[in-house]
């Protein structure tokens, strides 16, 4: 980190405002730059200036804003208004330069902005996905987002939901926590569960869980129908590592898997379960072949 600089807000580059970048095209893009300016913040900067330093990175001959985009935009507006009135000293910003790779700077930007402006869970989830795709661990992402590792898993799971369910979360028709109860369902059952929740006034987590469990179960005359359970070695693998089957992140998902082990939930009703079973069986067969004696004959036991 270098010494603090004193810059005019017009001298620094706000990605997406001073450039043509759109969402997903630049690490330092943040769609909150398009929020309306805040009158209270404008008045504060006009009276006292920008009190909190911004963070920038040097990109050739210019400085790109890592943190402090809104402060820069408000300071620019104050300067514009003063020029129109023909008086007043232009506001400047104190800037600290920050070095690091794109993923690190993106993470710092998210961390610095946590709590500054309300961010929708979908936006946070997309930030978590970008950090994860950049090679950051769940622990590192948790540090950048100022949340726990389980919450990072929730954010990443949120983006695995069907687009209609994600839109319902974005529109606040259902909560993120309730929607996450549907993530273990195949896409078509996620949509069916969402439609049922939207028809009801009860859209709580418990209601989402009840709808999910009912859709997972085959019923006849109002009673659960038991199907042939999976092979024992697959059940053993599930119990030792439920996350390999996409379950076990929360207790409700683990117990759904236990019901599947007993044959009360078909593999087709759990997203990715058929592939997980196939993988477990193939690994089992590969292990069995590797244990077979090689060569012309078998060796006598000693």
Protein backbone atom coordinates (compact mmCIF):
# COMPACT_ATOMS: atom_id res chain seq x y z
CA UNK A 1 0.00 0.00 0.00
CA UNK A 2 1.45 3.38 -1.01
CA UNK A 3 1.18 6.90 0.39
CA UNK A 4 -2.11 8.72 0.32
CA UNK A 5 -2.83 10.86 -2.73
CA UNK A 6 -5.02 13.91 -3.12
CA UNK A 7 -7.02 13.68 -6.37
CA UNK A 8 -9.88 15.47 -8.04
CA UNK A 9 -12.92 13.15 -8.31
CA UNK A 10 -12.92 13.81 -12.04
CA UNK A 11 -9.38 12.40 -12.31
CA UNK A 12 -10.23 8.87 -11.19
CA UNK A 13 -12.04 6.25 -13.28
CA UNK A 14 -15.29 4.70 -12.07
CA UNK A 15 -15.80 1.49 -14.03
CA UNK A 16 -19.21 1.42 -15.73
CA UNK A 17 -19.62 5.20 -15.50
CA UNK A 18 -16.44 6.43 -17.15
CA UNK A 19 -16.09 3.27 -19.22
CA UNK A 20 -18.48 1.25 -21.37
CA UNK A 21 -18.17 -1.88 -19.23
CA UNK A 22 -21.31 -3.75 -18.26
CA UNK A 23 -22.00 -6.35 -15.59
CA UNK A 24 -19.56 -9.23 -15.77
CA UNK A 25 -17.14 -7.43 -18.09
CA UNK A 26 -14.78 -5.91 -15.51
CA UNK A 27 -13.67 -6.98 -12.05
CA UNK A 28 -14.32 -3.52 -10.57
CA UNK A 29 -17.80 -3.08 -12.01
CA UNK A 30 -20.48 -2.52 -9.36
CA UNK A 31 -24.05 -1.90 -10.49
CA UNK A 32 -24.70 0.27 -7.44
CA UNK A 33 -22.97 3.13 -9.28
CA UNK A 34 -26.29 3.58 -11.10
CA UNK A 35 -28.29 4.20 -7.91
CA UNK A 36 -29.71 7.74 -7.56
CA UNK A 37 -27.51 10.24 -5.78
CA UNK A 38 -28.35 10.84 -2.13
CA UNK A 39 -29.31 14.41 -1.18
CA UNK A 40 -27.98 14.05 2.37
CA UNK A 41 -24.63 12.82 1.10
CA UNK A 42 -24.45 15.68 -1.41
CA UNK A 43 -25.12 18.20 1.37
CA UNK A 44 -22.53 16.60 3.64
CA UNK A 45 -19.81 16.68 0.96
CA UNK A 46 -20.72 20.26 0.05
CA UNK A 47 -20.35 21.30 3.69
CA UNK A 48 -17.40 19.20 4.86
CA UNK A 49 -15.86 17.48 1.84
CA UNK A 50 -15.19 13.77 1.42
CA UNK A 51 -13.99 12.67 4.84
CA UNK A 52 -13.28 8.99 4.16
CA UNK A 53 -10.45 8.06 1.77
CA UNK A 54 -11.14 5.99 -1.32
CA UNK A 55 -9.06 3.05 -2.58
CA UNK A 56 -7.72 3.04 -6.13
CA UNK A 57 -5.41 0.98 -8.27
CA UNK A 58 -3.06 2.33 -10.90
CA UNK A 59 -3.99 1.21 -14.42
CA UNK A 60 -1.45 2.73 -16.74
CA UNK A 61 -1.78 6.50 -16.55
CA UNK A 62 -5.08 6.51 -14.64
CA UNK A 63 -6.43 5.41 -11.29
CA UNK A 64 -9.40 3.01 -11.18
CA UNK A 65 -11.65 3.18 -8.11
CA UNK A 66 -11.64 -0.01 -6.03
CA UNK A 67 -13.71 1.38 -3.16
CA UNK A 68 -15.48 4.72 -2.85
CA UNK A 69 -17.36 4.92 -6.14
CA UNK A 70 -20.38 6.64 -4.58
CA UNK A 71 -18.20 9.19 -2.78
CA UNK A 72 -16.49 10.02 -6.07
CA UNK A 73 -19.79 10.42 -7.94
CA UNK A 74 -21.28 12.62 -5.22
CA UNK A 75 -18.15 14.78 -5.09
CA UNK A 76 -18.32 15.21 -8.86
CA UNK A 77 -21.93 16.36 -8.61
CA UNK A 78 -21.06 18.85 -5.85
CA UNK A 79 -18.26 20.26 -8.02
CA UNK A 80 -20.57 20.47 -11.03
CA UNK A 81 -23.19 22.38 -9.02
CA UNK A 82 -20.53 24.76 -7.66
CA UNK A 83 -19.24 25.49 -11.16
CA UNK A 84 -22.77 26.33 -12.27
CA UNK A 85 -23.13 28.73 -9.34
CA UNK A 86 -19.73 30.21 -10.13
CA UNK A 87 -18.14 29.80 -6.73
CA UNK A 88 -16.70 27.48 -4.13
CA UNK A 89 -13.54 25.43 -3.92
CA UNK A 90 -13.79 22.14 -5.82
CA UNK A 91 -13.92 19.06 -3.64
CA UNK A 92 -11.07 16.55 -3.81
CA UNK A 93 -10.74 13.01 -2.49
CA UNK A 94 -7.95 11.37 -0.56
CA UNK A 95 -6.95 8.14 -2.33
CA UNK A 96 -4.91 5.15 -1.18
CA UNK A 97 -3.44 2.94 -3.87
CA UNK A 98 -3.91 -0.82 -3.45
CA UNK A 99 -2.01 -3.57 -5.23
CA UNK A 100 -3.10 -7.14 -5.91
CA UNK A 101 -4.65 -9.41 -8.50
CA UNK A 102 -8.14 -8.82 -9.87
CA UNK A 103 -9.80 -11.32 -7.55
CA UNK A 104 -8.17 -9.79 -4.45
CA UNK A 105 -9.18 -6.26 -5.40
CA UNK A 106 -12.70 -7.42 -6.22
CA UNK A 107 -12.92 -9.06 -2.80
CA UNK A 108 -11.66 -5.93 -1.07
CA UNK A 109 -14.26 -3.90 -2.92
CA UNK A 110 -17.05 -6.19 -1.70
CA UNK A 111 -15.74 -6.16 1.86
CA UNK A 112 -15.43 -2.36 1.95
CA UNK A 113 -19.00 -1.96 0.70
CA UNK A 114 -20.67 -4.45 3.03
CA UNK A 115 -23.20 -2.45 5.01
CA UNK A 116 -22.64 0.76 3.07
CA UNK A 117 -25.69 0.21 0.88
CA UNK A 118 -28.20 -2.63 1.17
CA UNK A 119 -27.22 -5.35 -1.28
CA UNK A 120 -29.61 -7.97 -2.57
CA UNK A 121 -28.69 -11.62 -1.86
CA UNK A 122 -28.53 -12.31 -5.60
CA UNK A 123 -25.85 -9.61 -5.99
CA UNK A 124 -23.85 -11.03 -3.09
CA UNK A 125 -24.24 -14.53 -4.53
CA UNK A 126 -22.89 -13.39 -7.88
CA UNK A 127 -19.92 -11.79 -6.13
CA UNK A 128 -19.27 -15.06 -4.27
CA UNK A 129 -19.44 -17.01 -7.53
CA UNK A 130 -16.97 -14.65 -9.22
CA UNK A 131 -14.53 -14.96 -6.34
CA UNK A 132 -14.92 -18.76 -6.33
CA UNK A 133 -14.34 -18.92 -10.09
CA UNK A 134 -11.17 -16.86 -9.56
CA UNK A 135 -9.79 -19.59 -7.33
CA UNK A 136 -10.55 -18.13 -3.91
CA UNK A 137 -11.36 -20.64 -1.15
CA UNK A 138 -14.64 -20.59 0.75
CA UNK A 139 -12.78 -19.25 3.77
CA UNK A 140 -11.25 -16.41 1.74
CA UNK A 141 -14.63 -15.56 0.22
CA UNK A 142 -16.18 -15.51 3.69
CA UNK A 143 -13.54 -12.99 4.74
CA UNK A 144 -14.20 -10.77 1.73
CA UNK A 145 -17.98 -10.86 2.23
CA UNK A 146 -17.77 -10.61 6.04
CA UNK A 147 -19.92 -13.71 6.54
CA UNK A 148 -19.34 -17.30 7.69
CA UNK A 149 -18.38 -20.17 5.40
CA UNK A 150 -21.87 -21.77 5.68
CA UNK A 151 -23.35 -18.51 4.39
CA UNK A 152 -20.96 -18.57 1.43
CA UNK A 153 -22.25 -22.05 0.60
CA UNK A 154 -25.79 -20.70 0.78
CA UNK A 155 -24.96 -17.88 -1.62
CA UNK A 156 -23.38 -20.29 -4.11
CA UNK A 157 -26.38 -22.63 -3.79
CA UNK A 158 -28.73 -19.73 -4.47
CA UNK A 159 -27.38 -19.46 -8.01
CA UNK A 160 -28.05 -23.17 -8.58
CA UNK A 161 -31.80 -22.57 -8.28
CA UNK A 162 -34.02 -22.41 -11.35
CA UNK A 163 -34.16 -18.93 -12.88
CA UNK A 164 -37.83 -18.53 -11.91
CA UNK A 165 -36.99 -19.23 -8.26
CA UNK A 166 -34.08 -16.76 -8.37
CA UNK A 167 -36.40 -14.14 -9.86
CA UNK A 168 -38.88 -14.74 -7.03
CA UNK A 169 -36.05 -14.14 -4.53
CA UNK A 170 -34.98 -11.00 -6.41
CA UNK A 171 -38.58 -9.74 -6.36
CA UNK A 172 -38.82 -10.63 -2.64
CA UNK A 173 -41.80 -12.90 -3.34
CA UNK A 174 -40.01 -15.57 -1.28
CA UNK A 175 -37.07 -15.28 1.08
CA UNK A 176 -33.63 -16.59 0.24
CA UNK A 177 -33.82 -19.05 3.16
CA UNK A 178 -37.12 -20.49 1.97
CA UNK A 179 -35.91 -20.73 -1.63
CA UNK A 180 -32.79 -22.62 -0.58
CA UNK A 181 -34.99 -25.45 0.69
CA UNK A 182 -35.86 -26.15 -2.94
CA UNK A 183 -32.30 -26.38 -4.26
CA UNK A 184 -32.16 -30.18 -3.89
CA UNK A 185 -35.13 -30.60 -6.24
CA UNK A 186 -34.81 -31.09 -10.00
CA UNK A 187 -35.57 -27.94 -12.00
CA UNK A 188 -39.16 -28.87 -12.90
CA UNK A 189 -40.01 -29.66 -9.27
CA UNK A 190 -38.41 -26.39 -8.12
CA UNK A 191 -40.82 -24.53 -10.37
CA UNK A 192 -43.77 -26.63 -9.16
CA UNK A 193 -42.83 -25.96 -5.53
CA UNK A 194 -42.47 -22.23 -6.21
CA UNK A 195 -45.88 -22.06 -7.88
CA UNK A 196 -47.45 -23.79 -4.90
CA UNK A 197 -45.78 -21.38 -2.48
CA UNK A 198 -46.87 -18.34 -4.49
CA UNK A 199 -50.48 -19.56 -4.48
CA UNK A 200 -50.36 -19.71 -0.70
CA UNK A 201 -50.14 -16.93 1.85
CA UNK A 202 -47.77 -19.11 3.87
CA UNK A 203 -44.32 -18.73 2.29
CA UNK A 204 -42.26 -19.44 5.38
CA UNK A 205 -39.23 -21.71 5.53
CA UNK A 206 -41.37 -24.41 7.15
CA UNK A 207 -43.91 -24.17 4.33
CA UNK A 208 -41.18 -24.46 1.69
CA UNK A 209 -39.76 -27.48 3.49
CA UNK A 210 -43.19 -29.15 3.66
CA UNK A 211 -43.82 -28.56 -0.06
CA UNK A 212 -40.37 -29.89 -0.94
CA UNK A 213 -40.76 -33.05 1.14
CA UNK A 214 -44.18 -33.77 -0.33
CA UNK A 215 -42.95 -33.34 -3.89
CA UNK A 216 -40.02 -35.65 -3.16
CA UNK A 217 -42.29 -38.48 -2.07
CA UNK A 218 -44.29 -40.82 -4.28
CA UNK A 219 -47.79 -41.23 -2.82
CA UNK A 220 -50.69 -43.58 -3.46
CA UNK A 221 -54.03 -43.03 -1.76
CA UNK A 222 -52.41 -40.45 0.50
CA UNK A 223 -49.69 -42.84 1.70
CA UNK A 224 -45.99 -42.83 0.88
CA UNK A 225 -44.95 -45.57 -1.52
CA UNK A 226 -41.63 -47.23 -0.83
CA UNK A 227 -39.43 -47.99 -3.82
CA UNK A 228 -36.45 -50.39 -3.94
CA UNK A 229 -33.69 -48.73 -1.89
CA UNK A 230 -30.28 -48.00 -3.44
CA UNK A 231 -27.46 -50.57 -3.20
CA UNK A 232 -25.87 -50.92 0.21
CA UNK A 233 -22.44 -49.69 -0.90
CA UNK A 234 -24.09 -46.52 -2.26
CA UNK A 235 -25.91 -45.98 1.04
CA UNK A 236 -22.63 -46.48 2.91
CA UNK A 237 -20.95 -43.91 0.69
CA UNK A 238 -23.79 -41.44 1.25
CA UNK A 239 -23.63 -41.82 5.02
CA UNK A 240 -19.86 -41.30 5.03
CA UNK A 241 -19.91 -38.35 2.62
CA UNK A 242 -23.40 -36.88 2.02
CA UNK A 243 -21.95 -33.77 0.36
CA UNK A 244 -20.83 -35.95 -2.57
CA UNK A 245 -24.54 -36.49 -3.24
CA UNK A 246 -25.42 -32.80 -2.96
CA UNK A 247 -26.93 -33.30 0.49
CA UNK A 248 -25.84 -32.81 4.06
CA UNK A 249 -25.16 -29.07 3.99
CA UNK A 250 -28.08 -28.60 6.40
CA UNK A 251 -29.78 -31.19 8.57
CA UNK A 252 -33.05 -31.16 6.62
CA UNK A 253 -31.20 -32.16 3.45
CA UNK A 254 -29.33 -34.94 5.26
CA UNK A 255 -32.56 -36.44 6.57
CA UNK A 256 -34.07 -36.21 3.11
CA UNK A 257 -31.12 -38.35 2.03
CA UNK A 258 -31.85 -40.81 4.82
CA UNK A 259 -35.42 -41.16 3.52
CA UNK A 260 -33.92 -41.77 0.07
CA UNK A 261 -31.69 -44.50 1.56
CA UNK A 262 -34.83 -46.26 2.81
CA UNK A 263 -36.53 -46.01 -0.57
CA UNK A 264 -39.14 -43.42 0.34
CA UNK A 265 -37.68 -40.78 -2.02
CA UNK A 266 -36.88 -41.75 -5.65
CA UNK A 267 -33.49 -40.67 -7.01
CA UNK A 268 -35.31 -38.74 -9.73
CA UNK A 269 -36.80 -36.38 -7.13
CA UNK A 270 -33.40 -35.15 -5.89
CA UNK A 271 -31.32 -32.96 -8.18
CA UNK A 272 -28.17 -34.72 -9.36
CA UNK A 273 -28.83 -37.85 -7.30
CA UNK A 274 -28.98 -40.24 -10.28
CA UNK A 275 -25.55 -39.05 -11.46
CA UNK A 276 -24.14 -39.28 -7.93
CA UNK A 277 -25.37 -42.87 -7.60
CA UNK A 278 -23.89 -43.77 -10.99
CA UNK A 279 -20.55 -42.27 -9.96
CA UNK A 280 -20.57 -44.15 -6.65
CA UNK A 281 -21.30 -47.45 -8.41
CA UNK A 282 -18.54 -46.88 -10.97
CA UNK A 283 -16.04 -46.09 -8.22
CA UNK A 284 -17.13 -49.22 -6.40
CA UNK A 285 -16.58 -51.37 -9.49
CA UNK A 286 -13.20 -49.75 -10.14
CA UNK A 287 -12.10 -50.45 -6.57
CA UNK A 288 -13.25 -54.06 -6.87
CA UNK A 289 -11.25 -54.56 -10.08
CA UNK A 290 -8.14 -53.09 -8.47
CA UNK A 291 -8.48 -55.55 -5.57
CA UNK A 292 -8.60 -58.58 -7.90
CA UNK A 293 -5.36 -60.65 -8.02
CA UNK A 294 -3.23 -60.11 -11.10
CA UNK A 295 -1.24 -62.69 -13.01
CA UNK A 296 -1.90 -66.29 -13.96
CA UNK A 297 -3.14 -67.70 -10.70
CA UNK A 298 -4.22 -66.86 -7.24
CA UNK A 299 -1.87 -66.98 -4.35
CA UNK A 300 -2.62 -69.35 -1.51
CA UNK A 301 -3.46 -67.67 1.77
CA UNK A 302 -0.86 -67.97 4.45
